[in-house]
Amino acid sequence: MVAPLSAAPQYDQGIDDLQWVLSRMIDWLPGEWSAFPHVHHNRTVRMPEAGEHDNWHRSVSLIDAPQIGGAAVFYAQVHIGDRNGPVIPRSQHLYKVTIDETRGAVVIAGQGPKDPERFLDLGERPELWSEVQMRDESAIRCDFLWRRSGDQVFGELEGRTPERRRYGPGTCAYISDTTQVEFFADAQWVLGPETWWYYDLNTMDGELFLGREDRTHTRYRRARPYRCVIEDSSGVRKLDGHDRGFRVAVAPPGDDDKELMLMLLRSEFPDEAQGRADELRLVLMEDYPLPVLAQTRVYPATERIGIEAHGISASCSLHEDFPRREKGIE
């Protein structure tokens, strides 16, 4: 017997598969994606040897931008910590999506927009969609190739030429025009309706500048908007939040100097029977993450959750949409 050249799985996907992939990407990719549940698991259950994952929030929108071309165009940006946190410089991207039957994949070509500050929060500004352009599409050296893998969508990086694929599938390498040293990227995404496993590692001249030393994925979870009515020593207030770790300071009655923390979190939590189980929790604690003073636990799809403890009351309900973001770049 002759050993196979590669033990990796191969793909044989026709146009029906590729149209399925494109349709699922259009349905699943737009939204607000938070890594906080993964970070919370690091902090409260098991901390990786390489340290906790980045507490980043990814906002993705499907935009109508025919001037860019393709079967679909997405706009994405990355925030530190929360959807209202500062935008990471150079994290704004346009993703042009096409079906390539020859390569047997749905192909994403990604690049930042021209004049990125002008197009900050582009997903919320449809009046600018017809004006946005990629910075220089001719300079794109790497593509993301998306295919069906069971009931998920699987994407991996690929250099556009054999020389740029010299380190194998899922990679792209070339000599940088500005530094004259080798840039190397190794990236993989796995997308489902509620979960996005995200892995992206970049080196320059062998030195890691993006990604993790342990080469692990960060798990992003889709966030849903909630509106919370909170009553504490300062009175009654309404706040817009979300179910992926929204936190707010509250003050119990009779002690103006004392602050407690209230958190709304939908995530996987340790479970004796299942190992992990999805729940939505509204938690009152002395400070994040411990000690917990009181909590309410319900099924993850529950649209309303409340708590009353230590003179504090709160009720959070699923809301129709997120409010417009507070703009800012770090």
Protein backbone atom coordinates (compact mmCIF):
# COMPACT_ATOMS: atom_id res chain seq x y z
CA MET A 1 0.00 0.00 0.00
CA VAL A 2 1.14 3.54 -0.76
CA ALA A 3 0.71 6.09 2.03
CA PRO A 4 -1.49 9.07 1.11
CA LEU A 5 0.25 12.36 0.40
CA SER A 6 -1.85 14.05 3.08
CA ALA A 7 -3.96 12.77 5.95
CA ALA A 8 -6.07 15.94 5.93
CA PRO A 9 -9.69 15.71 4.71
CA GLN A 10 -10.37 16.70 1.12
CA TYR A 11 -13.34 18.63 -0.23
CA ASP A 12 -15.50 17.82 -3.23
CA GLN A 13 -18.16 20.51 -3.26
CA GLY A 14 -20.38 21.44 -6.17
CA ILE A 15 -22.27 24.63 -6.87
CA ASP A 16 -25.16 23.54 -4.62
CA ASP A 17 -22.76 23.20 -1.66
CA LEU A 18 -21.14 26.56 -2.41
CA GLN A 19 -24.50 28.31 -2.66
CA TRP A 20 -25.41 26.72 0.69
CA VAL A 21 -22.19 28.12 2.19
CA LEU A 22 -22.85 31.61 0.81
CA SER A 23 -26.41 31.56 2.10
CA ARG A 24 -25.30 30.49 5.58
CA MET A 25 -22.59 33.14 5.68
CA ILE A 26 -25.17 35.82 4.82
CA ASP A 27 -27.48 34.48 7.55
CA TRP A 28 -24.91 33.79 10.25
CA LEU A 29 -21.98 36.19 9.95
CA PRO A 30 -23.73 39.57 10.49
CA GLY A 31 -24.21 40.49 14.13
CA GLU A 32 -22.46 41.31 17.37
CA TRP A 33 -19.92 38.70 18.48
CA SER A 34 -18.35 38.66 21.94
CA ALA A 35 -15.34 36.73 23.24
CA PHE A 36 -16.21 37.57 26.85
CA PRO A 37 -17.84 34.18 27.62
CA HIS A 38 -14.55 32.51 26.63
CA VAL A 39 -12.60 34.98 28.77
CA HIS A 40 -14.99 34.43 31.70
CA HIS A 41 -14.39 30.68 31.45
CA ASN A 42 -10.62 31.37 31.52
CA ARG A 43 -11.00 33.49 34.66
CA THR A 44 -13.41 31.30 36.60
CA VAL A 45 -12.87 27.70 35.45
CA ARG A 46 -9.48 27.12 33.81
CA MET A 47 -6.77 29.58 32.84
CA PRO A 48 -4.67 28.46 29.84
CA GLU A 49 -0.91 28.34 30.33
CA ALA A 50 -0.53 31.05 27.67
CA GLY A 51 -2.94 33.33 29.55
CA GLU A 52 -6.51 34.37 28.89
CA HIS A 53 -7.87 34.99 25.41
CA ASP A 54 -8.34 38.52 24.14
CA ASN A 55 -11.52 40.15 25.41
CA TRP A 56 -12.57 41.50 22.03
CA HIS A 57 -15.94 42.21 20.45
CA ARG A 58 -16.48 41.82 16.69
CA SER A 59 -19.24 43.70 14.86
CA VAL A 60 -20.13 42.43 11.38
CA SER A 61 -22.68 43.88 8.94
CA LEU A 62 -23.89 42.85 5.50
CA ILE A 63 -23.79 46.05 3.43
CA ASP A 64 -25.11 47.03 0.01
CA ALA A 65 -21.94 48.13 -1.81
CA PRO A 66 -22.14 47.03 -5.47
CA GLN A 67 -19.12 49.20 -6.34
CA ILE A 68 -16.94 46.64 -4.52
CA GLY A 69 -18.40 43.73 -6.47
CA GLY A 70 -18.87 40.11 -5.48
CA ALA A 71 -21.94 38.18 -4.43
CA ALA A 72 -21.96 39.86 -0.99
CA VAL A 73 -19.97 42.45 0.96
CA PHE A 74 -19.48 42.49 4.73
CA TYR A 75 -18.04 45.24 6.90
CA ALA A 76 -16.38 44.32 10.21
CA GLN A 77 -14.59 46.10 13.05
CA VAL A 78 -13.13 44.95 16.37
CA HIS A 79 -13.72 46.63 19.74
CA ILE A 80 -11.77 46.20 22.95
CA GLY A 81 -13.89 44.61 25.67
CA ASP A 82 -17.39 45.62 24.62
CA ARG A 83 -19.32 46.81 21.58
CA ASN A 84 -19.00 50.36 22.92
CA GLY A 85 -15.29 49.92 23.65
CA PRO A 86 -12.68 51.63 21.47
CA VAL A 87 -12.12 50.26 17.99
CA ILE A 88 -8.73 48.60 17.52
CA PRO A 89 -6.69 50.51 14.92
CA ARG A 90 -6.59 48.81 11.50
CA SER A 91 -9.29 46.34 12.56
CA GLN A 92 -11.86 47.74 10.11
CA HIS A 93 -12.29 45.37 7.15
CA LEU A 94 -14.35 44.99 4.02
CA TYR A 95 -14.94 41.39 2.98
CA LYS A 96 -15.78 40.80 -0.68
CA VAL A 97 -17.40 37.37 -1.14
CA THR A 98 -17.48 35.37 -4.40
CA ILE A 99 -18.20 31.80 -5.45
CA ASP A 100 -15.25 30.13 -7.18
CA GLU A 101 -16.27 26.78 -8.67
CA THR A 102 -12.74 26.13 -9.96
CA ARG A 103 -11.31 26.26 -6.44
CA GLY A 104 -14.42 24.60 -5.02
CA ALA A 105 -14.89 27.31 -2.42
CA VAL A 106 -16.62 30.51 -1.44
CA VAL A 107 -13.79 33.03 -1.44
CA ILE A 108 -13.41 36.07 0.81
CA ALA A 109 -10.97 38.82 -0.15
CA GLY A 110 -10.52 41.10 2.87
CA GLN A 111 -8.93 44.51 3.23
CA GLY A 112 -9.37 47.74 5.13
CA PRO A 113 -11.35 50.63 3.59
CA LYS A 114 -9.86 53.82 2.21
CA ASP A 115 -10.22 56.64 4.75
CA PRO A 116 -11.06 54.23 7.61
CA GLU A 117 -11.90 56.94 10.16
CA ARG A 118 -14.55 58.32 7.83
CA PHE A 119 -16.20 54.89 7.65
CA LEU A 120 -16.09 54.03 11.36
CA ASP A 121 -19.27 52.14 12.35
CA LEU A 122 -20.11 51.75 8.66
CA GLY A 123 -22.62 49.00 9.39
CA GLU A 124 -24.83 51.58 11.11
CA ARG A 125 -24.40 54.21 8.40
CA PRO A 126 -26.09 53.01 5.18
CA GLU A 127 -25.83 56.51 3.70
CA LEU A 128 -22.10 55.81 3.22
CA TRP A 129 -22.32 52.28 1.80
CA SER A 130 -22.26 53.46 -1.82
CA GLU A 131 -19.07 55.48 -1.20
CA VAL A 132 -16.79 53.01 0.58
CA GLN A 133 -13.89 51.44 -1.33
CA MET A 134 -11.18 48.91 -0.51
CA ARG A 135 -7.80 50.48 0.16
CA ASP A 136 -6.05 48.72 -2.76
CA GLU A 137 -7.54 45.42 -3.85
CA SER A 138 -4.58 44.67 -6.14
CA ALA A 139 -2.38 44.40 -3.02
CA ILE A 140 -4.36 41.49 -1.52
CA ARG A 141 -2.09 38.43 -1.37
CA CYS A 142 -4.18 36.01 0.67
CA ASP A 143 -7.76 34.74 0.44
CA PHE A 144 -10.11 32.99 2.84
CA LEU A 145 -11.59 29.83 1.29
CA TRP A 146 -14.92 28.78 2.82
CA ARG A 147 -16.48 25.35 2.47
CA ARG A 148 -19.16 23.28 4.09
CA SER A 149 -18.09 21.02 6.95
CA GLY A 150 -21.11 19.14 8.26
CA ASP A 151 -23.62 21.74 9.43
CA GLN A 152 -20.97 24.41 9.90
CA VAL A 153 -19.04 26.68 7.58
CA PHE A 154 -15.27 26.23 7.64
CA GLY A 155 -12.82 28.84 6.34
CA GLU A 156 -9.06 28.76 6.08
CA LEU A 157 -6.45 31.10 4.69
CA GLU A 158 -4.75 30.40 1.37
CA GLY A 159 -2.03 32.29 -0.45
CA ARG A 160 -3.03 33.35 -3.96
CA THR A 161 0.01 31.71 -5.59
CA PRO A 162 1.81 28.39 -4.98
CA GLU A 163 4.81 30.30 -3.58
CA ARG A 164 2.58 31.99 -0.99
CA ARG A 165 1.17 28.56 -0.01
CA ARG A 166 4.60 27.04 0.57
CA TYR A 167 3.88 26.32 4.26
CA GLY A 168 0.76 24.30 3.45
CA PRO A 169 -3.03 24.63 3.65
CA GLY A 170 -4.39 27.37 5.85
CA THR A 171 -1.32 29.60 5.42
CA CYS A 172 -0.06 32.54 3.40
CA ALA A 173 3.50 33.89 3.30
CA TYR A 174 5.29 36.58 1.32
CA ILE A 175 8.08 39.16 1.58
CA SER A 176 6.74 42.47 2.87
CA ASP A 177 7.25 45.43 0.51
CA THR A 178 7.90 47.77 3.44
CA THR A 179 10.13 45.69 5.75
CA GLN A 180 11.68 43.26 3.21
CA VAL A 181 11.22 40.39 5.67
CA GLU A 182 8.81 37.47 5.54
CA PHE A 183 5.22 37.94 6.65
CA PHE A 184 3.47 34.68 7.60
CA ALA A 185 -0.21 34.17 8.39
CA ASP A 186 -1.99 31.05 9.61
CA ALA A 187 -5.75 31.46 10.03
CA GLN A 188 -8.92 29.39 10.39
CA TRP A 189 -12.55 30.26 11.14
CA VAL A 190 -15.40 27.87 11.97
CA LEU A 191 -18.84 29.50 11.83
CA GLY A 192 -22.22 28.34 13.10
CA PRO A 193 -25.44 30.22 13.82
CA GLU A 194 -24.45 31.11 17.40
CA THR A 195 -20.72 30.38 17.64
CA TRP A 196 -17.67 31.60 15.72
CA TRP A 197 -14.34 29.89 16.43
CA TYR A 198 -11.66 32.36 15.38
CA TYR A 199 -7.96 31.61 14.93
CA ASP A 200 -5.51 34.06 13.34
CA LEU A 201 -1.74 33.98 13.82
CA ASN A 202 0.67 36.42 12.16
CA THR A 203 4.44 36.62 12.33
CA MET A 204 6.97 39.03 10.84
CA ASP A 205 10.47 37.66 10.35
CA GLY A 206 9.50 34.81 12.67
CA GLU A 207 8.32 37.09 15.50
CA LEU A 208 4.70 36.70 16.60
CA PHE A 209 2.75 39.99 16.52
CA LEU A 210 -0.84 38.73 16.29
CA GLY A 211 -2.37 35.59 17.76
CA ARG A 212 -1.52 33.26 20.59
CA GLU A 213 1.62 31.30 21.37
CA ASP A 214 -0.51 28.23 22.13
CA ARG A 215 -2.15 28.47 18.66
CA THR A 216 -5.67 28.07 20.05
CA HIS A 217 -8.96 29.45 18.74
CA THR A 218 -10.93 32.17 20.51
CA ARG A 219 -14.61 31.32 20.78
CA TYR A 220 -16.93 34.20 19.96
CA ARG A 221 -20.62 33.97 20.87
CA ARG A 222 -23.46 35.89 19.26
CA ALA A 223 -24.75 38.66 21.53
CA ARG A 224 -28.42 39.65 21.90
CA PRO A 225 -29.58 43.12 23.03
CA TYR A 226 -31.33 43.42 26.39
CA ARG A 227 -32.85 46.39 28.19
CA CYS A 228 -32.50 46.33 31.96
CA VAL A 229 -34.52 48.21 34.59
CA ILE A 230 -32.44 48.51 37.75
CA GLU A 231 -33.42 49.89 41.15
CA ASP A 232 -30.79 50.58 43.81
CA SER A 233 -29.92 53.36 46.29
CA SER A 234 -29.70 55.91 43.47
CA GLY A 235 -33.23 55.20 42.22
CA VAL A 236 -34.61 53.57 39.09
CA ARG A 237 -32.78 53.59 35.74
CA LYS A 238 -33.05 51.94 32.34
CA LEU A 239 -29.90 50.69 30.67
CA ASP A 240 -29.20 49.05 27.31
CA GLY A 241 -27.04 45.97 27.61
CA HIS A 242 -26.51 42.51 26.15
CA ASP A 243 -26.37 38.90 27.27
CA ARG A 244 -22.63 38.28 26.85
CA GLY A 245 -21.28 39.82 30.03
CA PHE A 246 -22.99 43.21 30.39
CA ARG A 247 -21.86 44.57 33.76
CA VAL A 248 -23.00 47.59 35.76
CA ALA A 249 -22.11 48.90 39.22
CA VAL A 250 -25.02 49.06 41.69
CA ALA A 251 -25.24 50.46 45.22
CA PRO A 252 -27.19 48.74 48.02
CA PRO A 253 -29.44 50.97 50.15
CA GLY A 254 -28.01 52.49 53.30
CA ASP A 255 -24.36 52.49 52.22
CA ASP A 256 -23.47 55.14 49.66
CA ASP A 257 -19.80 54.13 49.65
CA LYS A 258 -20.37 50.46 48.84
CA GLU A 259 -20.59 49.22 45.26
CA LEU A 260 -21.69 45.82 44.05
CA MET A 261 -21.57 44.44 40.50
CA LEU A 262 -24.48 43.16 38.46
CA MET A 263 -23.77 40.98 35.40
CA LEU A 264 -25.97 39.52 32.66
CA LEU A 265 -24.26 36.56 30.98
CA ARG A 266 -25.39 33.84 28.57
CA SER A 267 -22.64 31.27 28.35
CA GLU A 268 -21.57 27.72 29.01
CA PHE A 269 -21.11 27.07 32.72
CA PRO A 270 -19.67 23.98 34.46
CA ASP A 271 -22.27 21.23 34.85
CA GLU A 272 -21.75 17.93 36.69
CA ALA A 273 -23.88 15.89 34.30
CA GLN A 274 -22.90 17.46 30.96
CA GLY A 275 -19.48 18.97 31.67
CA ARG A 276 -20.76 22.32 30.38
CA ALA A 277 -24.31 23.58 29.92
CA ASP A 278 -25.70 26.76 28.36
CA GLU A 279 -27.54 29.11 30.73
CA LEU A 280 -28.56 32.74 31.00
CA ARG A 281 -27.64 34.18 34.39
CA LEU A 282 -28.22 37.48 36.15
CA VAL A 283 -25.60 37.64 38.89
CA LEU A 284 -25.10 40.00 41.83
CA MET A 285 -21.55 39.90 43.18
CA GLU A 286 -19.31 41.92 45.45
CA ASP A 287 -16.97 42.48 42.51
CA TYR A 288 -16.35 40.74 39.23
CA PRO A 289 -16.02 37.77 39.21
CA LEU A 290 -16.38 36.85 42.91
CA PRO A 291 -17.81 36.45 45.46
CA VAL A 292 -21.32 35.83 44.14
CA LEU A 293 -24.03 37.11 46.49
CA ALA A 294 -27.10 35.98 44.53
CA GLN A 295 -28.01 34.83 41.05
CA THR A 296 -30.92 33.82 38.83
CA ARG A 297 -30.39 30.97 36.34
CA VAL A 298 -32.70 30.26 33.37
CA TYR A 299 -32.61 28.53 29.98
CA PRO A 300 -30.39 30.38 27.45
CA ALA A 301 -33.28 31.30 25.10
CA THR A 302 -35.28 32.97 27.90
CA GLU A 303 -36.26 36.51 26.92
CA ARG A 304 -36.70 37.93 30.44
CA ILE A 305 -34.75 37.48 33.67
CA GLY A 306 -34.85 39.26 37.02
CA ILE A 307 -33.29 39.31 40.47
CA GLU A 308 -34.02 40.84 43.90
CA ALA A 309 -31.34 40.64 46.57
CA HIS A 310 -29.52 42.85 49.08
CA GLY A 311 -31.92 45.75 48.44
CA ILE A 312 -31.21 45.65 44.68
CA SER A 313 -33.76 44.70 42.04
CA ALA A 314 -33.18 44.27 38.32
CA SER A 315 -35.20 43.00 35.38
CA CYS A 316 -33.69 42.51 31.91
CA SER A 317 -35.75 41.81 28.77
CA LEU A 318 -34.73 40.94 25.23
CA HIS A 319 -34.85 44.11 23.14
CA GLU A 320 -35.50 44.58 19.43
CA ASP A 321 -32.11 45.98 18.50
CA PHE A 322 -28.87 47.42 19.82
CA PRO A 323 -28.61 51.19 20.21
CA ARG A 324 -26.20 53.08 17.98
CA ARG A 325 -22.62 52.79 19.13
CA GLU A 326 -20.57 55.45 20.83
CA LYS A 327 -17.80 56.13 18.31
CA GLY A 328 -14.12 55.99 19.16
CA ILE A 329 -10.80 54.54 18.06
CA GLU A 330 -8.14 53.69 20.64
